């Protein structure tokens, strides 16, 4: 545990300090470099993918893989929970939704009918079904961005939203099937292309290069609300609700809405924010109100946003309904990763250069709107594959090609620590939720939560999955778990350092 704020000896700020301790746990199981890491919403599980196409689900009460299977015929680019299953993105140009039912077993049967205790690439899990698949373009290593929409509606004119946690809808942003400098947005589960070639025509006469990273999300905005446009006020209890931009006194014709936005990071080092305003080519898909919850993270996970799909028989133009809000060039080289704070207030990017860049997504008032949109901090090393922001918005982590993970203060981008354990390039970093949702049903295979594999752990063992974990992984094919600057008791999520 890091109880102080040690600076790296090579830090450009202050003097050298003692080297931080090593990771709390090392997870070994992959035979190929780890390419992606993601924690479950309940914070009990860590999902990892490697460049051979294998995915592991680690139980953080035992620090052993609960499932290990080959999800794709090529490397894994993205992993996310969706609709009671696990959505994975592979370099084989496919998305798969994997479901874990009562037929799923920890590992395959080997030898003389005896199953191994721990699944692995040599003895993978069985009974994991592919419930849904979609052809995509994964040629430029850009990871998908999944935006949950809430309960699923039935087909037809009269749509009825299901009230259970499963049966949800989502939008998934990926590079276009035909052009690598624009983004397509697909609807789950219909597979309809909800938005076509977002970003087309936005940079006339400029070369942005390929799309390197995306982030699809709903962002608060204050604007005139047409009578024909149904909007959903943001849930005030959700930590993901950001303050609406203020441009002076509001009017009766204005209302705070949750508008669909898309961040696109480019090979040129530019980051652009686009906002969607529906046109006559789109039909509104109605949803029910959000389900009340005492947990802000659960409230966000189950928030139900109205969304739009192309009208039947209507061909939607490229980037129709999407407008460029702003564009910033904070990097000299390609952007490799983008992360957004839980409050949807700030975004952060890293790339192939030395730069760490912070962007303000929302202007709280006119005075803030007059300030520069982005701030660039020079770091000690070039080349970072991933950036992750902790849920409380206090610290962020970067995964460097030099094998080191670096911790920064979100508010000022001040360097706090260098985590040195990996000897080769890092490719992924992820923070566990600080306010976990209810116990996950994603991996419910019929086993009880207090099954035999957790016996002997005691209260300490069961509490481990609630720690402020940071996971890092890369070329060494192993995953390090760190506990970095645990939040103080009673601190509020989202409050700056």
Protein backbone atom coordinates (compact mmCIF):
# COMPACT_ATOMS: atom_id res chain seq x y z
CA UNK A 1 0.00 0.00 0.00
CA UNK A 2 1.28 3.47 -0.82
CA UNK A 3 0.50 5.58 2.21
CA UNK A 4 2.49 8.61 1.05
CA UNK A 5 3.01 10.39 -2.25
CA UNK A 6 6.48 9.27 -3.36
CA UNK A 7 7.86 10.91 -6.48
CA UNK A 8 9.91 9.00 -8.98
CA UNK A 9 13.65 9.73 -8.81
CA UNK A 10 13.44 10.87 -12.44
CA UNK A 11 10.48 13.19 -11.80
CA UNK A 12 10.77 16.71 -13.10
CA UNK A 13 9.09 18.05 -9.93
CA UNK A 14 10.71 18.04 -6.53
CA UNK A 15 13.50 15.82 -5.32
CA UNK A 16 13.87 12.10 -5.42
CA UNK A 17 11.95 9.93 -2.94
CA UNK A 18 12.02 6.32 -1.80
CA UNK A 19 10.93 3.82 -4.42
CA UNK A 20 7.31 2.70 -3.92
CA UNK A 21 6.79 -0.92 -2.86
CA UNK A 22 6.00 -3.63 -5.36
CA UNK A 23 2.59 -4.94 -6.38
CA UNK A 24 0.34 -6.64 -3.85
CA UNK A 25 -0.36 -9.63 -6.11
CA UNK A 26 0.90 -11.05 -9.39
CA UNK A 27 -1.56 -12.99 -11.58
CA UNK A 28 -0.02 -15.54 -13.91
CA UNK A 29 -1.91 -17.59 -16.48
CA UNK A 30 -1.61 -16.00 -19.92
CA UNK A 31 0.93 -17.43 -22.35
CA UNK A 32 0.88 -14.32 -24.56
CA UNK A 33 1.18 -10.58 -23.89
CA UNK A 34 -1.75 -9.07 -22.01
CA UNK A 35 -3.48 -6.56 -24.29
CA UNK A 36 -6.53 -5.40 -22.30
CA UNK A 37 -7.76 -5.27 -18.69
CA UNK A 38 -11.21 -4.46 -17.30
CA UNK A 39 -12.84 -4.80 -13.88
CA UNK A 40 -16.42 -5.98 -13.44
CA UNK A 41 -18.99 -3.48 -12.21
CA UNK A 42 -19.22 -5.33 -8.90
CA UNK A 43 -15.39 -5.08 -8.52
CA UNK A 44 -15.11 -8.78 -7.66
CA UNK A 45 -13.73 -9.88 -11.04
CA UNK A 46 -10.91 -8.78 -13.31
CA UNK A 47 -11.17 -9.59 -17.00
CA UNK A 48 -8.01 -9.84 -19.10
CA UNK A 49 -7.34 -10.56 -22.76
CA UNK A 50 -4.13 -11.45 -24.60
CA UNK A 51 -2.69 -11.28 -28.11
CA UNK A 52 -3.49 -14.97 -28.76
CA UNK A 53 -7.22 -14.34 -28.37
CA UNK A 54 -7.62 -15.81 -24.86
CA UNK A 55 -9.77 -14.17 -22.19
CA UNK A 56 -9.52 -14.82 -18.45
CA UNK A 57 -11.95 -13.93 -15.68
CA UNK A 58 -10.06 -13.64 -12.39
CA UNK A 59 -11.86 -13.95 -9.05
CA UNK A 60 -10.32 -11.35 -6.76
CA UNK A 61 -11.26 -13.29 -3.64
CA UNK A 62 -9.00 -16.17 -4.62
CA UNK A 63 -6.75 -14.49 -7.23
CA UNK A 64 -7.28 -17.45 -9.55
CA UNK A 65 -8.99 -17.55 -12.94
CA UNK A 66 -12.61 -18.60 -12.75
CA UNK A 67 -12.79 -18.94 -16.54
CA UNK A 68 -10.13 -19.10 -19.22
CA UNK A 69 -11.06 -19.62 -22.88
CA UNK A 70 -10.17 -18.61 -26.40
CA UNK A 71 -12.68 -15.92 -27.34
CA UNK A 72 -11.22 -14.95 -30.75
CA UNK A 73 -8.89 -16.30 -33.41
CA UNK A 74 -6.69 -13.19 -33.03
CA UNK A 75 -5.66 -10.80 -30.28
CA UNK A 76 -8.15 -9.20 -27.88
CA UNK A 77 -8.69 -5.43 -28.20
CA UNK A 78 -11.61 -4.79 -25.86
CA UNK A 79 -13.69 -6.34 -23.05
CA UNK A 80 -16.88 -5.03 -21.47
CA UNK A 81 -19.87 -6.34 -19.51
CA UNK A 82 -23.14 -6.25 -21.43
CA UNK A 83 -26.59 -7.80 -21.12
CA UNK A 84 -25.59 -10.39 -18.51
CA UNK A 85 -22.57 -11.50 -20.54
CA UNK A 86 -19.12 -10.40 -21.67
CA UNK A 87 -18.63 -8.47 -24.93
CA UNK A 88 -15.20 -8.97 -26.49
CA UNK A 89 -13.54 -7.33 -29.47
CA UNK A 90 -10.90 -9.21 -31.44
CA UNK A 91 -8.34 -8.46 -34.10
CA UNK A 92 -10.23 -11.01 -36.20
CA UNK A 93 -12.70 -8.18 -37.04
CA UNK A 94 -15.46 -9.58 -34.83
CA UNK A 95 -17.42 -8.70 -31.71
CA UNK A 96 -18.72 -11.60 -29.62
CA UNK A 97 -21.07 -11.61 -26.64
CA UNK A 98 -20.25 -14.57 -24.38
CA UNK A 99 -22.82 -15.93 -21.94
CA UNK A 100 -22.08 -17.93 -18.79
CA UNK A 101 -24.90 -20.32 -17.94
CA UNK A 102 -25.28 -23.46 -15.89
CA UNK A 103 -23.45 -25.42 -18.63
CA UNK A 104 -20.28 -23.37 -18.22
CA UNK A 105 -17.51 -25.21 -16.37
CA UNK A 106 -14.30 -23.89 -14.95
CA UNK A 107 -12.04 -25.98 -17.16
CA UNK A 108 -12.06 -28.67 -19.76
CA UNK A 109 -11.94 -32.35 -18.90
CA UNK A 110 -8.48 -33.78 -19.44
CA UNK A 111 -6.72 -37.06 -18.91
CA UNK A 112 -8.95 -39.83 -17.57
CA UNK A 113 -12.04 -37.77 -16.92
CA UNK A 114 -10.53 -35.53 -14.25
CA UNK A 115 -11.02 -31.80 -14.61
CA UNK A 116 -8.17 -29.49 -13.69
CA UNK A 117 -8.73 -27.26 -10.67
CA UNK A 118 -7.72 -24.04 -12.45
CA UNK A 119 -8.52 -23.28 -16.12
CA UNK A 120 -5.70 -22.18 -18.41
CA UNK A 121 -4.91 -21.89 -22.13
CA UNK A 122 -3.85 -25.54 -22.06
CA UNK A 123 -7.06 -26.55 -20.26
CA UNK A 124 -9.67 -23.94 -21.22
CA UNK A 125 -13.15 -23.53 -19.82
CA UNK A 126 -16.07 -25.12 -21.63
CA UNK A 127 -19.76 -24.36 -22.07
CA UNK A 128 -19.30 -20.61 -22.67
CA UNK A 129 -21.71 -19.69 -25.45
CA UNK A 130 -21.42 -17.04 -28.13
CA UNK A 131 -24.83 -15.44 -27.85
CA UNK A 132 -24.25 -12.64 -30.38
CA UNK A 133 -21.64 -11.64 -32.97
CA UNK A 134 -21.00 -8.67 -35.27
CA UNK A 135 -18.54 -8.02 -38.12
CA UNK A 136 -16.44 -4.89 -37.55
CA UNK A 137 -13.20 -3.25 -38.66
CA UNK A 138 -10.33 -3.88 -36.24
CA UNK A 139 -7.40 -3.18 -38.56
CA UNK A 140 -6.13 -0.09 -36.73
CA UNK A 141 -6.10 -1.44 -33.13
CA UNK A 142 -8.84 0.99 -32.01
CA UNK A 143 -10.81 -0.38 -29.05
CA UNK A 144 -14.58 -0.38 -29.06
CA UNK A 145 -16.55 1.98 -26.85
CA UNK A 146 -19.77 0.59 -25.31
CA UNK A 147 -22.52 2.97 -24.19
CA UNK A 148 -25.27 1.12 -22.23
CA UNK A 149 -28.80 2.34 -22.92
CA UNK A 150 -30.73 0.35 -20.32
CA UNK A 151 -33.63 -2.08 -20.65
CA UNK A 152 -34.37 -3.64 -24.00
CA UNK A 153 -37.46 -2.71 -26.01
CA UNK A 154 -39.56 -5.14 -28.00
CA UNK A 155 -39.72 -4.87 -31.77
CA UNK A 156 -42.53 -3.06 -33.51
CA UNK A 157 -44.23 0.27 -33.06
CA UNK A 158 -45.32 -0.43 -29.48
CA UNK A 159 -42.12 -0.95 -27.50
CA UNK A 160 -42.14 -2.32 -23.99
CA UNK A 161 -39.05 -1.99 -21.81
CA UNK A 162 -38.14 -4.97 -19.70
CA UNK A 163 -37.70 -4.29 -16.00
CA UNK A 164 -34.95 -6.76 -15.20
CA UNK A 165 -31.22 -6.10 -15.33
CA UNK A 166 -30.72 -8.33 -18.32
CA UNK A 167 -32.21 -7.61 -21.72
CA UNK A 168 -30.43 -4.29 -22.04
CA UNK A 169 -29.63 -2.31 -25.17
CA UNK A 170 -26.38 -0.56 -26.01
CA UNK A 171 -24.56 1.44 -28.66
CA UNK A 172 -21.08 0.31 -29.71
CA UNK A 173 -18.65 2.67 -31.46
CA UNK A 174 -15.92 1.20 -33.68
CA UNK A 175 -13.93 2.41 -36.72
CA UNK A 176 -15.96 2.42 -39.92
CA UNK A 177 -16.17 -0.73 -42.00
CA UNK A 178 -14.99 1.14 -45.12
CA UNK A 179 -12.90 4.11 -43.88
CA UNK A 180 -10.38 4.10 -41.07
CA UNK A 181 -10.67 7.84 -40.30
CA UNK A 182 -14.37 7.84 -39.29
CA UNK A 183 -16.51 5.94 -36.77
CA UNK A 184 -19.60 3.74 -37.11
CA UNK A 185 -22.00 3.24 -34.20
CA UNK A 186 -23.92 -0.05 -34.05
CA UNK A 187 -26.96 -0.92 -31.96
CA UNK A 188 -27.05 -3.97 -29.72
CA UNK A 189 -28.83 -6.34 -30.10
CA UNK A 190 -30.37 -5.41 -33.49
CA UNK A 191 -26.95 -5.01 -35.22
CA UNK A 192 -28.37 -1.96 -37.00
CA UNK A 193 -25.84 0.71 -37.90
CA UNK A 194 -27.32 3.53 -35.85
CA UNK A 195 -24.84 6.18 -37.00
CA UNK A 196 -22.72 6.10 -40.15
CA UNK A 197 -19.24 7.54 -40.66
CA UNK A 198 -19.23 9.98 -37.74
CA UNK A 199 -16.60 12.64 -38.37
CA UNK A 200 -16.82 12.56 -42.16
CA UNK A 201 -16.35 16.03 -43.61
CA UNK A 202 -15.38 17.60 -40.29
CA UNK A 203 -11.76 18.23 -41.26
CA UNK A 204 -11.81 19.48 -44.83
CA UNK A 205 -8.27 19.93 -46.11
CA UNK A 206 -6.74 18.32 -43.02
CA UNK A 207 -5.30 14.84 -42.60
CA UNK A 208 -6.25 13.32 -39.28
CA UNK A 209 -5.00 9.82 -40.03
CA UNK A 210 -6.73 6.74 -38.66
CA UNK A 211 -9.03 6.62 -35.64
CA UNK A 212 -6.97 5.45 -32.64
CA UNK A 213 -9.46 5.63 -29.75
CA UNK A 214 -13.14 6.45 -29.15
CA UNK A 215 -15.43 7.14 -26.22
CA UNK A 216 -19.22 7.15 -26.69
CA UNK A 217 -21.25 8.63 -23.82
CA UNK A 218 -24.15 10.82 -22.76
CA UNK A 219 -23.19 14.32 -21.65
CA UNK A 220 -25.30 17.03 -20.05
CA UNK A 221 -26.12 19.99 -22.26
CA UNK A 222 -28.44 22.97 -22.00
CA UNK A 223 -30.12 23.84 -25.26
CA UNK A 224 -33.53 24.60 -26.73
CA UNK A 225 -35.66 21.46 -26.58
CA UNK A 226 -37.81 20.93 -29.71
CA UNK A 227 -41.31 19.74 -28.94
CA UNK A 228 -40.77 16.71 -31.17
CA UNK A 229 -37.61 15.65 -29.34
CA UNK A 230 -38.01 13.56 -26.21
CA UNK A 231 -35.20 14.01 -23.73
CA UNK A 232 -34.34 12.51 -20.37
CA UNK A 233 -33.12 14.73 -17.51
CA UNK A 234 -29.93 13.46 -15.93
CA UNK A 235 -30.27 11.50 -12.71
CA UNK A 236 -29.10 13.91 -9.96
CA UNK A 237 -27.99 10.98 -7.77
CA UNK A 238 -25.59 9.63 -10.36
CA UNK A 239 -21.88 10.37 -10.08
CA UNK A 240 -21.82 10.22 -13.86
CA UNK A 241 -24.05 13.28 -14.15
CA UNK A 242 -22.06 16.41 -14.87
CA UNK A 243 -23.16 19.99 -14.30
CA UNK A 244 -24.87 21.54 -17.28
CA UNK A 245 -22.98 24.25 -19.15
CA UNK A 246 -24.21 27.70 -18.19
CA UNK A 247 -24.36 30.58 -20.62
CA UNK A 248 -26.26 33.03 -18.43
CA UNK A 249 -29.82 32.89 -17.15
CA UNK A 250 -31.81 29.97 -18.48
CA UNK A 251 -35.15 30.32 -20.22
CA UNK A 252 -38.31 28.29 -20.29
CA UNK A 253 -37.33 27.04 -23.73
CA UNK A 254 -34.12 25.53 -22.35
CA UNK A 255 -33.78 22.29 -20.46
CA UNK A 256 -30.92 20.10 -19.27
CA UNK A 257 -30.70 17.01 -21.43
CA UNK A 258 -28.51 13.98 -21.82
CA UNK A 259 -27.17 14.29 -25.35
CA UNK A 260 -25.16 11.58 -27.09
CA UNK A 261 -21.52 12.60 -27.58
CA UNK A 262 -18.52 10.91 -29.15
CA UNK A 263 -14.83 11.55 -28.53
CA UNK A 264 -12.57 10.53 -31.41
CA UNK A 265 -8.78 10.41 -31.07
CA UNK A 266 -6.71 10.45 -34.24
CA UNK A 267 -3.32 9.39 -35.51
CA UNK A 268 -2.51 13.08 -36.04
CA UNK A 269 -2.60 13.71 -32.27
CA UNK A 270 -5.98 15.50 -32.36
CA UNK A 271 -8.91 14.79 -30.07
CA UNK A 272 -12.37 15.87 -31.28
CA UNK A 273 -15.74 15.99 -29.49
CA UNK A 274 -18.89 15.44 -31.58
CA UNK A 275 -22.52 15.90 -30.47
CA UNK A 276 -25.59 14.25 -31.99
CA UNK A 277 -28.81 16.12 -32.73
CA UNK A 278 -31.50 13.93 -34.35
CA UNK A 279 -32.75 14.70 -37.83
CA UNK A 280 -35.89 13.55 -39.64
CA UNK A 281 -34.01 10.43 -40.74
CA UNK A 282 -34.14 9.03 -37.20
CA UNK A 283 -36.91 7.57 -35.06
CA UNK A 284 -36.93 7.97 -31.29
CA UNK A 285 -36.77 4.73 -29.29
CA UNK A 286 -38.69 5.42 -26.06
CA UNK A 287 -37.51 4.14 -22.71
CA UNK A 288 -38.89 3.95 -19.20
CA UNK A 289 -37.64 6.23 -16.40
CA UNK A 290 -34.43 5.21 -14.57
CA UNK A 291 -34.84 2.69 -11.78
CA UNK A 292 -34.25 4.31 -8.36
CA UNK A 293 -31.21 3.02 -6.51
CA UNK A 294 -29.28 3.95 -3.39
CA UNK A 295 -26.01 3.20 -5.19
CA UNK A 296 -24.92 5.93 -7.59
CA UNK A 297 -22.87 3.50 -9.67
CA UNK A 298 -25.80 1.12 -9.93
CA UNK A 299 -28.09 4.01 -10.86
CA UNK A 300 -25.79 4.91 -13.72
CA UNK A 301 -25.45 1.33 -14.89
CA UNK A 302 -29.24 1.05 -15.09
CA UNK A 303 -29.92 4.57 -16.37
CA UNK A 304 -32.13 4.40 -19.43
CA UNK A 305 -31.44 6.89 -22.18
CA UNK A 306 -33.73 7.66 -25.11
CA UNK A 307 -31.91 6.97 -28.34
CA UNK A 308 -32.46 7.13 -32.06
CA UNK A 309 -32.26 4.58 -34.85
CA UNK A 310 -32.52 5.23 -38.60
CA UNK A 311 -36.08 5.17 -39.89
CA UNK A 312 -37.02 2.08 -41.82
CA UNK A 313 -36.26 2.47 -45.52
CA UNK A 314 -34.34 5.75 -45.04
CA UNK A 315 -30.67 5.98 -45.97
CA UNK A 316 -28.82 8.11 -43.46
CA UNK A 317 -26.03 10.30 -44.82
CA UNK A 318 -22.48 10.16 -43.53
CA UNK A 319 -22.20 11.83 -40.12
CA UNK A 320 -25.82 12.98 -40.34
CA UNK A 321 -26.94 14.75 -37.19
CA UNK A 322 -23.40 14.98 -35.79
CA UNK A 323 -21.67 18.31 -35.29
CA UNK A 324 -18.08 19.04 -34.29
CA UNK A 325 -18.12 20.75 -30.87
CA UNK A 326 -14.39 21.28 -30.54
CA UNK A 327 -11.04 19.82 -31.56
CA UNK A 328 -7.74 20.04 -29.71
CA UNK A 329 -4.27 18.96 -30.77
CA UNK A 330 -2.39 18.10 -27.61
CA UNK A 331 -0.07 15.47 -29.07
CA UNK A 332 2.67 15.60 -31.67
CA UNK A 333 2.26 11.89 -32.43
CA UNK A 334 -0.61 9.42 -32.50
CA UNK A 335 -2.97 9.22 -29.52
CA UNK A 336 -3.00 5.69 -28.12
CA UNK A 337 -5.65 5.87 -25.39
CA UNK A 338 -8.40 8.13 -24.01
CA UNK A 339 -10.15 7.97 -20.62
CA UNK A 340 -13.05 10.02 -19.25
CA UNK A 341 -13.65 10.82 -15.58
CA UNK A 342 -16.67 9.32 -13.84
CA UNK A 343 -18.39 12.72 -13.69
CA UNK A 344 -18.02 13.17 -17.48
CA UNK A 345 -16.23 16.45 -16.69
CA UNK A 346 -12.74 15.77 -17.97
CA UNK A 347 -10.98 13.55 -20.50
CA UNK A 348 -7.35 12.47 -20.56
CA UNK A 349 -5.16 11.15 -23.37
CA UNK A 350 -1.73 9.58 -23.86
CA UNK A 351 0.14 8.75 -27.03
CA UNK A 352 3.40 7.88 -28.69
CA UNK A 353 5.02 11.12 -27.48
CA UNK A 354 5.89 12.46 -24.01
CA UNK A 355 2.57 14.24 -23.54
CA UNK A 356 -0.18 13.66 -21.00
CA UNK A 357 -3.15 15.86 -21.90
CA UNK A 358 -6.25 16.83 -19.89
CA UNK A 359 -9.38 18.20 -21.63
CA UNK A 360 -12.38 19.96 -20.12
CA UNK A 361 -15.56 18.44 -21.54
CA UNK A 362 -18.07 20.71 -19.79
CA UNK A 363 -17.90 24.46 -19.09
CA UNK A 364 -19.47 25.24 -15.71
CA UNK A 365 -19.85 28.95 -16.52
CA UNK A 366 -18.87 31.69 -18.96
CA UNK A 367 -15.60 32.39 -17.16
CA UNK A 368 -14.52 28.77 -17.50
CA UNK A 369 -15.55 28.75 -21.15
CA UNK A 370 -12.98 31.49 -21.81
CA UNK A 371 -10.15 29.35 -20.45
CA UNK A 372 -8.03 27.02 -22.62
CA UNK A 373 -9.82 23.75 -23.37
CA UNK A 374 -6.80 21.51 -22.75
CA UNK A 375 -3.65 21.33 -20.66
CA UNK A 376 -0.54 19.41 -21.69
CA UNK A 377 2.02 18.02 -19.26
CA UNK A 378 5.40 16.71 -20.43
CA UNK A 379 6.25 13.35 -18.86
CA UNK A 380 9.56 11.61 -18.29
CA UNK A 381 9.21 8.98 -20.99
CA UNK A 382 7.76 8.71 -24.47
CA UNK A 383 5.22 6.12 -25.49
CA UNK A 384 2.19 5.17 -23.40
CA UNK A 385 -0.33 2.52 -24.43
CA UNK A 386 -3.11 3.17 -21.92
CA UNK A 387 -4.54 5.73 -19.51
CA UNK A 388 -7.10 5.03 -16.77
CA UNK A 389 -8.93 7.34 -14.32
CA UNK A 390 -10.04 6.21 -10.88
CA UNK A 391 -13.73 6.53 -10.08
CA UNK A 392 -13.23 9.27 -7.47
CA UNK A 393 -11.50 11.49 -10.04
CA UNK A 394 -8.44 12.00 -7.87
CA UNK A 395 -5.71 9.96 -9.56
CA UNK A 396 -5.00 8.55 -13.00
CA UNK A 397 -2.55 5.93 -14.19
CA UNK A 398 -0.62 5.47 -17.43
CA UNK A 399 0.88 2.27 -18.83
CA UNK A 400 4.20 2.98 -20.52
CA UNK A 401 6.15 1.23 -23.23
CA UNK A 402 9.13 1.42 -20.87
CA UNK A 403 7.40 -1.07 -18.56
CA UNK A 404 6.51 1.45 -15.88
CA UNK A 405 3.10 2.55 -14.65
CA UNK A 406 2.94 6.17 -13.55
CA UNK A 407 0.43 7.76 -11.19
CA UNK A 408 -0.66 11.40 -11.57
CA UNK A 409 -2.96 13.76 -9.73
CA UNK A 410 -6.00 14.36 -11.94
CA UNK A 411 -6.50 17.96 -10.89
CA UNK A 412 -3.03 19.22 -11.78
CA UNK A 413 -1.37 16.29 -13.65
CA UNK A 414 1.30 16.38 -10.94
CA UNK A 415 3.35 13.14 -10.97
CA UNK A 416 2.86 11.16 -7.77
CA UNK A 417 4.59 7.81 -8.18
CA UNK A 418 6.29 5.40 -10.56
CA UNK A 419 5.31 1.74 -10.18
CA UNK A 420 8.29 -0.33 -11.31
CA UNK A 421 7.84 -4.07 -11.57
CA UNK A 422 7.33 -5.02 -15.20
CA UNK A 423 10.51 -5.33 -17.21
CA UNK A 424 8.99 -4.98 -20.66
CA UNK A 425 6.36 -2.86 -22.35
CA UNK A 426 2.99 -2.30 -20.65
CA UNK A 427 -0.13 -2.41 -22.81
CA UNK A 428 -3.05 -2.05 -20.38
CA UNK A 429 -4.07 -0.43 -17.09
CA UNK A 430 -7.42 -0.36 -15.28
CA UNK A 431 -8.83 0.83 -11.94
CA UNK A 432 -11.41 -1.17 -10.00
CA UNK A 433 -14.69 0.61 -9.10
CA UNK A 434 -14.57 2.28 -5.70
CA UNK A 435 -18.36 2.10 -5.37
CA UNK A 436 -19.13 -1.39 -6.67
CA UNK A 437 -22.53 -2.24 -8.07
CA UNK A 438 -24.59 -5.13 -6.74
CA UNK A 439 -23.02 -8.62 -7.07
CA UNK A 440 -22.56 -9.39 -10.73
CA UNK A 441 -24.90 -11.77 -12.52
CA UNK A 442 -22.62 -11.88 -15.55
CA UNK A 443 -20.73 -14.94 -14.38
CA UNK A 444 -23.60 -16.69 -12.59
CA UNK A 445 -23.16 -20.32 -13.53
CA UNK A 446 -25.22 -21.83 -10.75
CA UNK A 447 -22.51 -21.67 -8.10
CA UNK A 448 -23.24 -19.85 -4.86
CA UNK A 449 -21.33 -16.69 -4.04
CA UNK A 450 -19.79 -18.35 -0.97
CA UNK A 451 -18.77 -21.52 -2.78
CA UNK A 452 -16.00 -23.79 -1.64
CA UNK A 453 -13.23 -22.04 -3.52
CA UNK A 454 -13.65 -19.07 -1.16
CA UNK A 455 -13.52 -21.10 2.04
CA UNK A 456 -10.70 -20.19 4.34
CA UNK A 457 -10.45 -16.65 3.06
CA UNK A 458 -12.35 -15.19 6.02
CA UNK A 459 -13.42 -11.59 6.25
CA UNK A 460 -10.06 -10.38 4.99
CA UNK A 461 -10.27 -12.52 1.89
CA UNK A 462 -13.81 -11.48 1.07
CA UNK A 463 -12.89 -7.83 1.49
CA UNK A 464 -10.07 -7.95 -1.04
CA UNK A 465 -12.36 -7.40 -4.02
CA UNK A 466 -13.39 -4.05 -2.50
CA UNK A 467 -9.89 -2.58 -2.46
CA UNK A 468 -8.74 0.32 -4.62
CA UNK A 469 -7.03 -1.97 -7.11
CA UNK A 470 -4.99 -0.84 -10.08
CA UNK A 471 -4.21 -3.60 -12.56
CA UNK A 472 -1.36 -3.42 -15.10
CA UNK A 473 -0.28 -5.88 -17.77
CA UNK A 474 1.73 -6.17 -20.97
CA UNK A 475 4.44 -8.06 -22.83
CA UNK A 476 5.44 -10.22 -19.86
CA UNK A 477 2.04 -11.98 -19.98
CA UNK A 478 1.48 -11.38 -16.28
CA UNK A 479 -0.80 -8.97 -14.41
CA UNK A 480 0.22 -6.86 -11.42
CA UNK A 481 -2.32 -5.71 -8.83
CA UNK A 482 -1.44 -2.54 -6.92
CA UNK A 483 -3.23 -0.61 -4.19
CA UNK A 484 -2.41 3.02 -4.89
CA UNK A 485 -3.41 5.89 -2.59
CA UNK A 486 -6.54 4.30 -1.06
CA UNK A 487 -9.30 6.89 -0.59
CA UNK A 488 -9.65 8.17 2.96
CA UNK A 489 -12.67 7.03 4.94
CA UNK A 490 -15.64 9.30 4.28
CA UNK A 491 -14.16 10.91 1.16
CA UNK A 492 -16.61 11.72 -1.59
CA UNK A 493 -16.21 10.22 -5.05
CA UNK A 494 -15.48 12.76 -7.69
CA UNK A 495 -13.94 15.32 -5.33
CA UNK A 496 -10.48 16.45 -6.41
CA UNK A 497 -7.25 15.80 -4.54
